[in-house]
Structure formats: structure tokens, C-alpha cells
Amino acid sequence: AAFKDLAMQLLGQLFEYELERRGQELNILGATSGD
């Protein structure tokens, strides 16, 4: 229920796609003020 979903949903797909291509894993480090 926040505008952040519009970017994050695609970012998740891009991450999975690129990590699969490279055979790698990723540890996301982020900060949030709310959404």
C-alpha cells in the first residue's frame, strides 16, 4: 500500500534474474523511514 512497491516489485525480479545468471547470492542492506 505504498508507492515504493512500483519500484521494489521490479527490483526483486531483476535481482533474482541477475543473480541466477551469475550463480551468486546477495545480502541487501537498507534503511527505511516507513515504507
ModelCIF file with pLDDT and N, C-alpha, C, O atoms, coordinates in Angstrom:
data_MODEL
#
_entry.id   MODEL 
#
_entity.id                         1 
_entity.type                       polymer 
_entity.pdbx_number_of_molecules   1 
#
_entity_poly.entity_id                      1 
_entity_poly.type                           'polypeptide(L)' 
_entity_poly.nstd_linkage                   no 
_entity_poly.nstd_monomer                   no 
_entity_poly.pdbx_seq_one_letter_code       AAFKDLAMQLLGQLFEYELERRGQELNILGATSGD 
_entity_poly.pdbx_seq_one_letter_code_can   AAFKDLAMQLLGQLFEYELERRGQELNILGATSGD 
_entity_poly.pdbx_strand_id                 A 
#
loop_
_entity_poly_seq.entity_id 
_entity_poly_seq.num 
_entity_poly_seq.mon_id 
_entity_poly_seq.hetero 
1 1  ALA n 
1 2  ALA n 
1 3  PHE n 
1 4  LYS n 
1 5  ASP n 
1 6  LEU n 
1 7  ALA n 
1 8  MET n 
1 9  GLN n 
1 10 LEU n 
1 11 LEU n 
1 12 GLY n 
1 13 GLN n 
1 14 LEU n 
1 15 PHE n 
1 16 GLU n 
1 17 TYR n 
1 18 GLU n 
1 19 LEU n 
1 20 GLU n 
1 21 ARG n 
1 22 ARG n 
1 23 GLY n 
1 24 GLN n 
1 25 GLU n 
1 26 LEU n 
1 27 ASN n 
1 28 ILE n 
1 29 LEU n 
1 30 GLY n 
1 31 ALA n 
1 32 THR n 
1 33 SER n 
1 34 GLY n 
1 35 ASP n 
#
_struct_asym.id          A 
_struct_asym.entity_id   1 
#
loop_
_ma_qa_metric.id 
_ma_qa_metric.mode 
_ma_qa_metric.name 
_ma_qa_metric.software_group_id 
_ma_qa_metric.type 
1 global pLDDT . pLDDT 
2 local  pLDDT . pLDDT 
#
_ma_qa_metric_global.metric_id      1 
_ma_qa_metric_global.metric_value   91.80 
_ma_qa_metric_global.model_id       1 
_ma_qa_metric_global.ordinal_id     1 
#
loop_
_ma_qa_metric_local.label_asym_id 
_ma_qa_metric_local.label_comp_id 
_ma_qa_metric_local.label_seq_id 
_ma_qa_metric_local.metric_id 
_ma_qa_metric_local.metric_value 
_ma_qa_metric_local.model_id 
_ma_qa_metric_local.ordinal_id 
A ALA 1  2 92.00 1 1  
A ALA 2  2 93.00 1 2  
A PHE 3  2 95.00 1 3  
A LYS 4  2 93.00 1 4  
A ASP 5  2 94.00 1 5  
A LEU 6  2 96.00 1 6  
A ALA 7  2 94.00 1 7  
A MET 8  2 92.00 1 8  
A GLN 9  2 95.00 1 9  
A LEU 10 2 96.00 1 10 
A LEU 11 2 93.00 1 11 
A GLY 12 2 92.00 1 12 
A GLN 13 2 94.00 1 13 
A LEU 14 2 95.00 1 14 
A PHE 15 2 92.00 1 15 
A GLU 16 2 93.00 1 16 
A TYR 17 2 95.00 1 17 
A GLU 18 2 94.00 1 18 
A LEU 19 2 94.00 1 19 
A GLU 20 2 95.00 1 20 
A ARG 21 2 94.00 1 21 
A ARG 22 2 94.00 1 22 
A GLY 23 2 95.00 1 23 
A GLN 24 2 93.00 1 24 
A GLU 25 2 92.00 1 25 
A LEU 26 2 92.00 1 26 
A ASN 27 2 94.00 1 27 
A ILE 28 2 92.00 1 28 
A LEU 29 2 92.00 1 29 
A GLY 30 2 90.00 1 30 
A ALA 31 2 90.00 1 31 
A THR 32 2 87.00 1 32 
A SER 33 2 77.00 1 33 
A GLY 34 2 73.00 1 34 
A ASP 35 2 81.00 1 35 
#
loop_
_atom_site.group_PDB 
_atom_site.id 
_atom_site.type_symbol 
_atom_site.label_atom_id 
_atom_site.label_alt_id 
_atom_site.label_comp_id 
_atom_site.label_asym_id 
_atom_site.label_entity_id 
_atom_site.label_seq_id 
_atom_site.pdbx_PDB_ins_code 
_atom_site.Cartn_x 
_atom_site.Cartn_y 
_atom_site.Cartn_z 
_atom_site.occupancy 
_atom_site.B_iso_or_equiv 
_atom_site.pdbx_formal_charge 
_atom_site.auth_seq_id 
_atom_site.auth_comp_id 
_atom_site.auth_asym_id 
_atom_site.auth_atom_id 
_atom_site.pdbx_PDB_model_num 
ATOM 1   N N  . ALA A 1 1  ? 0.812  -1.228  0.000   1.00 92.00 ? 1  ALA A N  1 
ATOM 2   C CA . ALA A 1 1  ? 0.000  0.000   0.000   1.00 92.00 ? 1  ALA A CA 1 
ATOM 3   C C  . ALA A 1 1  ? 0.837  1.266   0.000   1.00 92.00 ? 1  ALA A C  1 
ATOM 4   O O  . ALA A 1 1  ? 0.447  2.263   0.606   1.00 92.00 ? 1  ALA A O  1 
ATOM 5   N N  . ALA A 1 2  ? 1.980  1.243   -0.668  1.00 93.00 ? 2  ALA A N  1 
ATOM 6   C CA . ALA A 1 2  ? 2.836  2.426   -0.772  1.00 93.00 ? 2  ALA A CA 1 
ATOM 7   C C  . ALA A 1 2  ? 3.444  2.493   -2.158  1.00 93.00 ? 2  ALA A C  1 
ATOM 8   O O  . ALA A 1 2  ? 3.579  1.474   -2.835  1.00 93.00 ? 2  ALA A O  1 
ATOM 9   N N  . PHE A 1 3  ? 3.814  3.705   -2.582  1.00 95.00 ? 3  PHE A N  1 
ATOM 10  C CA . PHE A 1 3  ? 4.353  3.880   -3.930  1.00 95.00 ? 3  PHE A CA 1 
ATOM 11  C C  . PHE A 1 3  ? 5.652  3.121   -4.136  1.00 95.00 ? 3  PHE A C  1 
ATOM 12  O O  . PHE A 1 3  ? 6.036  2.845   -5.273  1.00 95.00 ? 3  PHE A O  1 
ATOM 13  N N  . LYS A 1 4  ? 6.333  2.781   -3.050  1.00 93.00 ? 4  LYS A N  1 
ATOM 14  C CA . LYS A 1 4  ? 7.609  2.058   -3.164  1.00 93.00 ? 4  LYS A CA 1 
ATOM 15  C C  . LYS A 1 4  ? 7.447  0.707   -3.858  1.00 93.00 ? 4  LYS A C  1 
ATOM 16  O O  . LYS A 1 4  ? 8.398  0.193   -4.447  1.00 93.00 ? 4  LYS A O  1 
ATOM 17  N N  . ASP A 1 5  ? 6.235  0.129   -3.790  1.00 94.00 ? 5  ASP A N  1 
ATOM 18  C CA . ASP A 1 5  ? 6.006  -1.179  -4.425  1.00 94.00 ? 5  ASP A CA 1 
ATOM 19  C C  . ASP A 1 5  ? 6.275  -1.136  -5.926  1.00 94.00 ? 5  ASP A C  1 
ATOM 20  O O  . ASP A 1 5  ? 6.727  -2.123  -6.506  1.00 94.00 ? 5  ASP A O  1 
ATOM 21  N N  . LEU A 1 6  ? 5.998  0.004   -6.553  1.00 96.00 ? 6  LEU A N  1 
ATOM 22  C CA . LEU A 1 6  ? 6.142  0.084   -8.008  1.00 96.00 ? 6  LEU A CA 1 
ATOM 23  C C  . LEU A 1 6  ? 7.585  -0.122  -8.445  1.00 96.00 ? 6  LEU A C  1 
ATOM 24  O O  . LEU A 1 6  ? 7.831  -0.661  -9.525  1.00 96.00 ? 6  LEU A O  1 
ATOM 25  N N  . ALA A 1 7  ? 8.531  0.293   -7.633  1.00 94.00 ? 7  ALA A N  1 
ATOM 26  C CA . ALA A 1 7  ? 9.937  0.049   -7.961  1.00 94.00 ? 7  ALA A CA 1 
ATOM 27  C C  . ALA A 1 7  ? 10.411 -1.282  -7.396  1.00 94.00 ? 7  ALA A C  1 
ATOM 28  O O  . ALA A 1 7  ? 11.123 -2.025  -8.070  1.00 94.00 ? 7  ALA A O  1 
ATOM 29  N N  . MET A 1 8  ? 10.021 -1.586  -6.166  1.00 92.00 ? 8  MET A N  1 
ATOM 30  C CA . MET A 1 8  ? 10.560 -2.771  -5.491  1.00 92.00 ? 8  MET A CA 1 
ATOM 31  C C  . MET A 1 8  ? 10.155 -4.072  -6.161  1.00 92.00 ? 8  MET A C  1 
ATOM 32  O O  . MET A 1 8  ? 10.949 -5.011  -6.219  1.00 92.00 ? 8  MET A O  1 
ATOM 33  N N  . GLN A 1 9  ? 8.928  -4.142  -6.669  1.00 95.00 ? 9  GLN A N  1 
ATOM 34  C CA . GLN A 1 9  ? 8.497  -5.387  -7.313  1.00 95.00 ? 9  GLN A CA 1 
ATOM 35  C C  . GLN A 1 9  ? 9.368  -5.707  -8.523  1.00 95.00 ? 9  GLN A C  1 
ATOM 36  O O  . GLN A 1 9  ? 9.722  -6.864  -8.751  1.00 95.00 ? 9  GLN A O  1 
ATOM 37  N N  . LEU A 1 10 ? 9.710  -4.682  -9.293  1.00 96.00 ? 10 LEU A N  1 
ATOM 38  C CA . LEU A 1 10 ? 10.591 -4.927  -10.435 1.00 96.00 ? 10 LEU A CA 1 
ATOM 39  C C  . LEU A 1 10 ? 12.014 -5.192  -9.971  1.00 96.00 ? 10 LEU A C  1 
ATOM 40  O O  . LEU A 1 10 ? 12.703 -6.040  -10.539 1.00 96.00 ? 10 LEU A O  1 
ATOM 41  N N  . LEU A 1 11 ? 12.459 -4.477  -8.948  1.00 93.00 ? 11 LEU A N  1 
ATOM 42  C CA . LEU A 1 11 ? 13.821 -4.684  -8.456  1.00 93.00 ? 11 LEU A CA 1 
ATOM 43  C C  . LEU A 1 11 ? 14.018 -6.112  -7.976  1.00 93.00 ? 11 LEU A C  1 
ATOM 44  O O  . LEU A 1 11 ? 15.065 -6.709  -8.229  1.00 93.00 ? 11 LEU A O  1 
ATOM 45  N N  . GLY A 1 12 ? 13.022 -6.673  -7.284  1.00 92.00 ? 12 GLY A N  1 
ATOM 46  C CA . GLY A 1 12 ? 13.123 -8.061  -6.853  1.00 92.00 ? 12 GLY A CA 1 
ATOM 47  C C  . GLY A 1 12 ? 13.276 -9.018  -8.026  1.00 92.00 ? 12 GLY A C  1 
ATOM 48  O O  . GLY A 1 12 ? 14.073 -9.955  -7.974  1.00 92.00 ? 12 GLY A O  1 
ATOM 49  N N  . GLN A 1 13 ? 12.510 -8.777  -9.084  1.00 94.00 ? 13 GLN A N  1 
ATOM 50  C CA . GLN A 1 13 ? 12.624 -9.633  -10.270 1.00 94.00 ? 13 GLN A CA 1 
ATOM 51  C C  . GLN A 1 13 ? 13.989 -9.487  -10.938 1.00 94.00 ? 13 GLN A C  1 
ATOM 52  O O  . GLN A 1 13 ? 14.581 -10.473 -11.377 1.00 94.00 ? 13 GLN A O  1 
ATOM 53  N N  . LEU A 1 14 ? 14.482 -8.255  -11.012 1.00 95.00 ? 14 LEU A N  1 
ATOM 54  C CA . LEU A 1 14 ? 15.797 -8.021  -11.615 1.00 95.00 ? 14 LEU A CA 1 
ATOM 55  C C  . LEU A 1 14 ? 16.906 -8.681  -10.802 1.00 95.00 ? 14 LEU A C  1 
ATOM 56  O O  . LEU A 1 14 ? 17.818 -9.284  -11.367 1.00 95.00 ? 14 LEU A O  1 
ATOM 57  N N  . PHE A 1 15 ? 16.829 -8.567  -9.479  1.00 92.00 ? 15 PHE A N  1 
ATOM 58  C CA . PHE A 1 15 ? 17.820 -9.213  -8.616  1.00 92.00 ? 15 PHE A CA 1 
ATOM 59  C C  . PHE A 1 15 ? 17.849 -10.719 -8.863  1.00 92.00 ? 15 PHE A C  1 
ATOM 60  O O  . PHE A 1 15 ? 18.911 -11.296 -9.099  1.00 92.00 ? 15 PHE A O  1 
ATOM 61  N N  . GLU A 1 16 ? 16.692 -11.343 -8.809  1.00 93.00 ? 16 GLU A N  1 
ATOM 62  C CA . GLU A 1 16 ? 16.633 -12.799 -8.965  1.00 93.00 ? 16 GLU A CA 1 
ATOM 63  C C  . GLU A 1 16 ? 17.184 -13.218 -10.335 1.00 93.00 ? 16 GLU A C  1 
ATOM 64  O O  . GLU A 1 16 ? 17.927 -14.193 -10.445 1.00 93.00 ? 16 GLU A O  1 
ATOM 65  N N  . TYR A 1 17 ? 16.814 -12.476 -11.355 1.00 95.00 ? 17 TYR A N  1 
ATOM 66  C CA . TYR A 1 17 ? 17.275 -12.780 -12.715 1.00 95.00 ? 17 TYR A CA 1 
ATOM 67  C C  . TYR A 1 17 ? 18.787 -12.682 -12.821 1.00 95.00 ? 17 TYR A C  1 
ATOM 68  O O  . TYR A 1 17 ? 19.430 -13.597 -13.336 1.00 95.00 ? 17 TYR A O  1 
ATOM 69  N N  . GLU A 1 18 ? 19.367 -11.583 -12.339 1.00 94.00 ? 18 GLU A N  1 
ATOM 70  C CA . GLU A 1 18 ? 20.800 -11.369 -12.496 1.00 94.00 ? 18 GLU A CA 1 
ATOM 71  C C  . GLU A 1 18 ? 21.611 -12.302 -11.600 1.00 94.00 ? 18 GLU A C  1 
ATOM 72  O O  . GLU A 1 18 ? 22.667 -12.783 -12.008 1.00 94.00 ? 18 GLU A O  1 
ATOM 73  N N  . LEU A 1 19 ? 21.136 -12.559 -10.399 1.00 94.00 ? 19 LEU A N  1 
ATOM 74  C CA . LEU A 1 19 ? 21.850 -13.481 -9.508  1.00 94.00 ? 19 LEU A CA 1 
ATOM 75  C C  . LEU A 1 19 ? 21.840 -14.892 -10.072 1.00 94.00 ? 19 LEU A C  1 
ATOM 76  O O  . LEU A 1 19 ? 22.827 -15.619 -9.954  1.00 94.00 ? 19 LEU A O  1 
ATOM 77  N N  . GLU A 1 20 ? 20.739 -15.279 -10.680 1.00 95.00 ? 20 GLU A N  1 
ATOM 78  C CA . GLU A 1 20 ? 20.672 -16.601 -11.318 1.00 95.00 ? 20 GLU A CA 1 
ATOM 79  C C  . GLU A 1 20 ? 21.648 -16.669 -12.481 1.00 95.00 ? 20 GLU A C  1 
ATOM 80  O O  . GLU A 1 20 ? 22.324 -17.682 -12.661 1.00 95.00 ? 20 GLU A O  1 
ATOM 81  N N  . ARG A 1 21 ? 21.732 -15.605 -13.271 1.00 94.00 ? 21 ARG A N  1 
ATOM 82  C CA . ARG A 1 21 ? 22.684 -15.585 -14.396 1.00 94.00 ? 21 ARG A CA 1 
ATOM 83  C C  . ARG A 1 21 ? 24.112 -15.743 -13.912 1.00 94.00 ? 21 ARG A C  1 
ATOM 84  O O  . ARG A 1 21 ? 24.935 -16.374 -14.576 1.00 94.00 ? 21 ARG A O  1 
ATOM 85  N N  . ARG A 1 22 ? 24.409 -15.166 -12.746 1.00 94.00 ? 22 ARG A N  1 
ATOM 86  C CA . ARG A 1 22 ? 25.787 -15.159 -12.241 1.00 94.00 ? 22 ARG A CA 1 
ATOM 87  C C  . ARG A 1 22 ? 26.074 -16.282 -11.250 1.00 94.00 ? 22 ARG A C  1 
ATOM 88  O O  . ARG A 1 22 ? 27.226 -16.501 -10.874 1.00 94.00 ? 22 ARG A O  1 
ATOM 89  N N  . GLY A 1 23 ? 25.031 -16.991 -10.828 1.00 95.00 ? 23 GLY A N  1 
ATOM 90  C CA . GLY A 1 23 ? 25.227 -18.028 -9.824  1.00 95.00 ? 23 GLY A CA 1 
ATOM 91  C C  . GLY A 1 23 ? 25.670 -17.457 -8.488  1.00 95.00 ? 23 GLY A C  1 
ATOM 92  O O  . GLY A 1 23 ? 26.484 -18.068 -7.796  1.00 95.00 ? 23 GLY A O  1 
ATOM 93  N N  . GLN A 1 24 ? 25.142 -16.281 -8.110  1.00 93.00 ? 24 GLN A N  1 
ATOM 94  C CA . GLN A 1 24 ? 25.557 -15.589 -6.894  1.00 93.00 ? 24 GLN A CA 1 
ATOM 95  C C  . GLN A 1 24 ? 24.382 -15.400 -5.942  1.00 93.00 ? 24 GLN A C  1 
ATOM 96  O O  . GLN A 1 24 ? 23.226 -15.621 -6.300  1.00 93.00 ? 24 GLN A O  1 
ATOM 97  N N  . GLU A 1 25 ? 24.711 -14.985 -4.717  1.00 92.00 ? 25 GLU A N  1 
ATOM 98  C CA . GLU A 1 25 ? 23.717 -14.581 -3.734  1.00 92.00 ? 25 GLU A CA 1 
ATOM 99  C C  . GLU A 1 25 ? 23.979 -13.132 -3.347  1.00 92.00 ? 25 GLU A C  1 
ATOM 100 O O  . GLU A 1 25 ? 25.069 -12.609 -3.576  1.00 92.00 ? 25 GLU A O  1 
ATOM 101 N N  . LEU A 1 26 ? 22.972 -12.482 -2.755  1.00 92.00 ? 26 LEU A N  1 
ATOM 102 C CA . LEU A 1 26 ? 23.085 -11.074 -2.412  1.00 92.00 ? 26 LEU A CA 1 
ATOM 103 C C  . LEU A 1 26 ? 22.466 -10.829 -1.046  1.00 92.00 ? 26 LEU A C  1 
ATOM 104 O O  . LEU A 1 26 ? 21.400 -11.355 -0.727  1.00 92.00 ? 26 LEU A O  1 
ATOM 105 N N  . ASN A 1 27 ? 23.153 -10.020 -0.242  1.00 94.00 ? 27 ASN A N  1 
ATOM 106 C CA . ASN A 1 27 ? 22.631 -9.595  1.055   1.00 94.00 ? 27 ASN A CA 1 
ATOM 107 C C  . ASN A 1 27 ? 22.281 -8.116  0.966   1.00 94.00 ? 27 ASN A C  1 
ATOM 108 O O  . ASN A 1 27 ? 23.158 -7.256  0.886   1.00 94.00 ? 27 ASN A O  1 
ATOM 109 N N  . ILE A 1 28 ? 20.993 -7.843  0.981   1.00 92.00 ? 28 ILE A N  1 
ATOM 110 C CA . ILE A 1 28 ? 20.515 -6.470  0.870   1.00 92.00 ? 28 ILE A CA 1 
ATOM 111 C C  . ILE A 1 28 ? 20.671 -5.771  2.218   1.00 92.00 ? 28 ILE A C  1 
ATOM 112 O O  . ILE A 1 28 ? 20.251 -6.298  3.249   1.00 92.00 ? 28 ILE A O  1 
ATOM 113 N N  . LEU A 1 29 ? 21.274 -4.588  2.206   1.00 92.00 ? 29 LEU A N  1 
ATOM 114 C CA . LEU A 1 29 ? 21.346 -3.757  3.396   1.00 92.00 ? 29 LEU A CA 1 
ATOM 115 C C  . LEU A 1 29 ? 20.627 -2.456  3.086   1.00 92.00 ? 29 LEU A C  1 
ATOM 116 O O  . LEU A 1 29 ? 21.025 -1.719  2.184   1.00 92.00 ? 29 LEU A O  1 
ATOM 117 N N  . GLY A 1 30 ? 19.557 -2.171  3.842   1.00 90.00 ? 30 GLY A N  1 
ATOM 118 C CA . GLY A 1 30 ? 18.765 -0.984  3.562   1.00 90.00 ? 30 GLY A CA 1 
ATOM 119 C C  . GLY A 1 30 ? 18.335 -0.276  4.824   1.00 90.00 ? 30 GLY A C  1 
ATOM 120 O O  . GLY A 1 30 ? 18.488 -0.793  5.931   1.00 90.00 ? 30 GLY A O  1 
ATOM 121 N N  . ALA A 1 31 ? 17.792 0.916   4.643   1.00 90.00 ? 31 ALA A N  1 
ATOM 122 C CA . ALA A 1 31 ? 17.246 1.708   5.739   1.00 90.00 ? 31 ALA A CA 1 
ATOM 123 C C  . ALA A 1 31 ? 15.890 2.240   5.311   1.00 90.00 ? 31 ALA A C  1 
ATOM 124 O O  . ALA A 1 31 ? 15.667 2.510   4.131   1.00 90.00 ? 31 ALA A O  1 
ATOM 125 N N  . THR A 1 32 ? 14.992 2.389   6.262   1.00 87.00 ? 32 THR A N  1 
ATOM 126 C CA . THR A 1 32 ? 13.658 2.862   5.928   1.00 87.00 ? 32 THR A CA 1 
ATOM 127 C C  . THR A 1 32 ? 13.159 3.852   6.961   1.00 87.00 ? 32 THR A C  1 
ATOM 128 O O  . THR A 1 32 ? 13.422 3.713   8.155   1.00 87.00 ? 32 THR A O  1 
ATOM 129 N N  . SER A 1 33 ? 12.433 4.858   6.481   1.00 77.00 ? 33 SER A N  1 
ATOM 130 C CA . SER A 1 33 ? 11.752 5.783   7.375   1.00 77.00 ? 33 SER A CA 1 
ATOM 131 C C  . SER A 1 33 ? 10.281 5.425   7.482   1.00 77.00 ? 33 SER A C  1 
ATOM 132 O O  . SER A 1 33 ? 9.521  6.105   8.170   1.00 77.00 ? 33 SER A O  1 
ATOM 133 N N  . GLY A 1 34 ? 9.878  4.358   6.803   1.00 73.00 ? 34 GLY A N  1 
ATOM 134 C CA . GLY A 1 34 ? 8.471  3.958   6.891   1.00 73.00 ? 34 GLY A CA 1 
ATOM 135 C C  . GLY A 1 34 ? 8.046  2.928   5.872   1.00 73.00 ? 34 GLY A C  1 
ATOM 136 O O  . GLY A 1 34 ? 7.609  1.841   6.251   1.00 73.00 ? 34 GLY A O  1 
ATOM 137 N N  . ASP A 1 35 ? 8.161  3.235   4.572   1.00 81.00 ? 35 ASP A N  1 
ATOM 138 C CA . ASP A 1 35 ? 7.560  2.385   3.551   1.00 81.00 ? 35 ASP A CA 1 
ATOM 139 C C  . ASP A 1 35 ? 8.553  1.594   2.713   1.00 81.00 ? 35 ASP A C  1 
ATOM 140 O O  . ASP A 1 35 ? 8.151  0.845   1.823   1.00 81.00 ? 35 ASP A O  1 
#
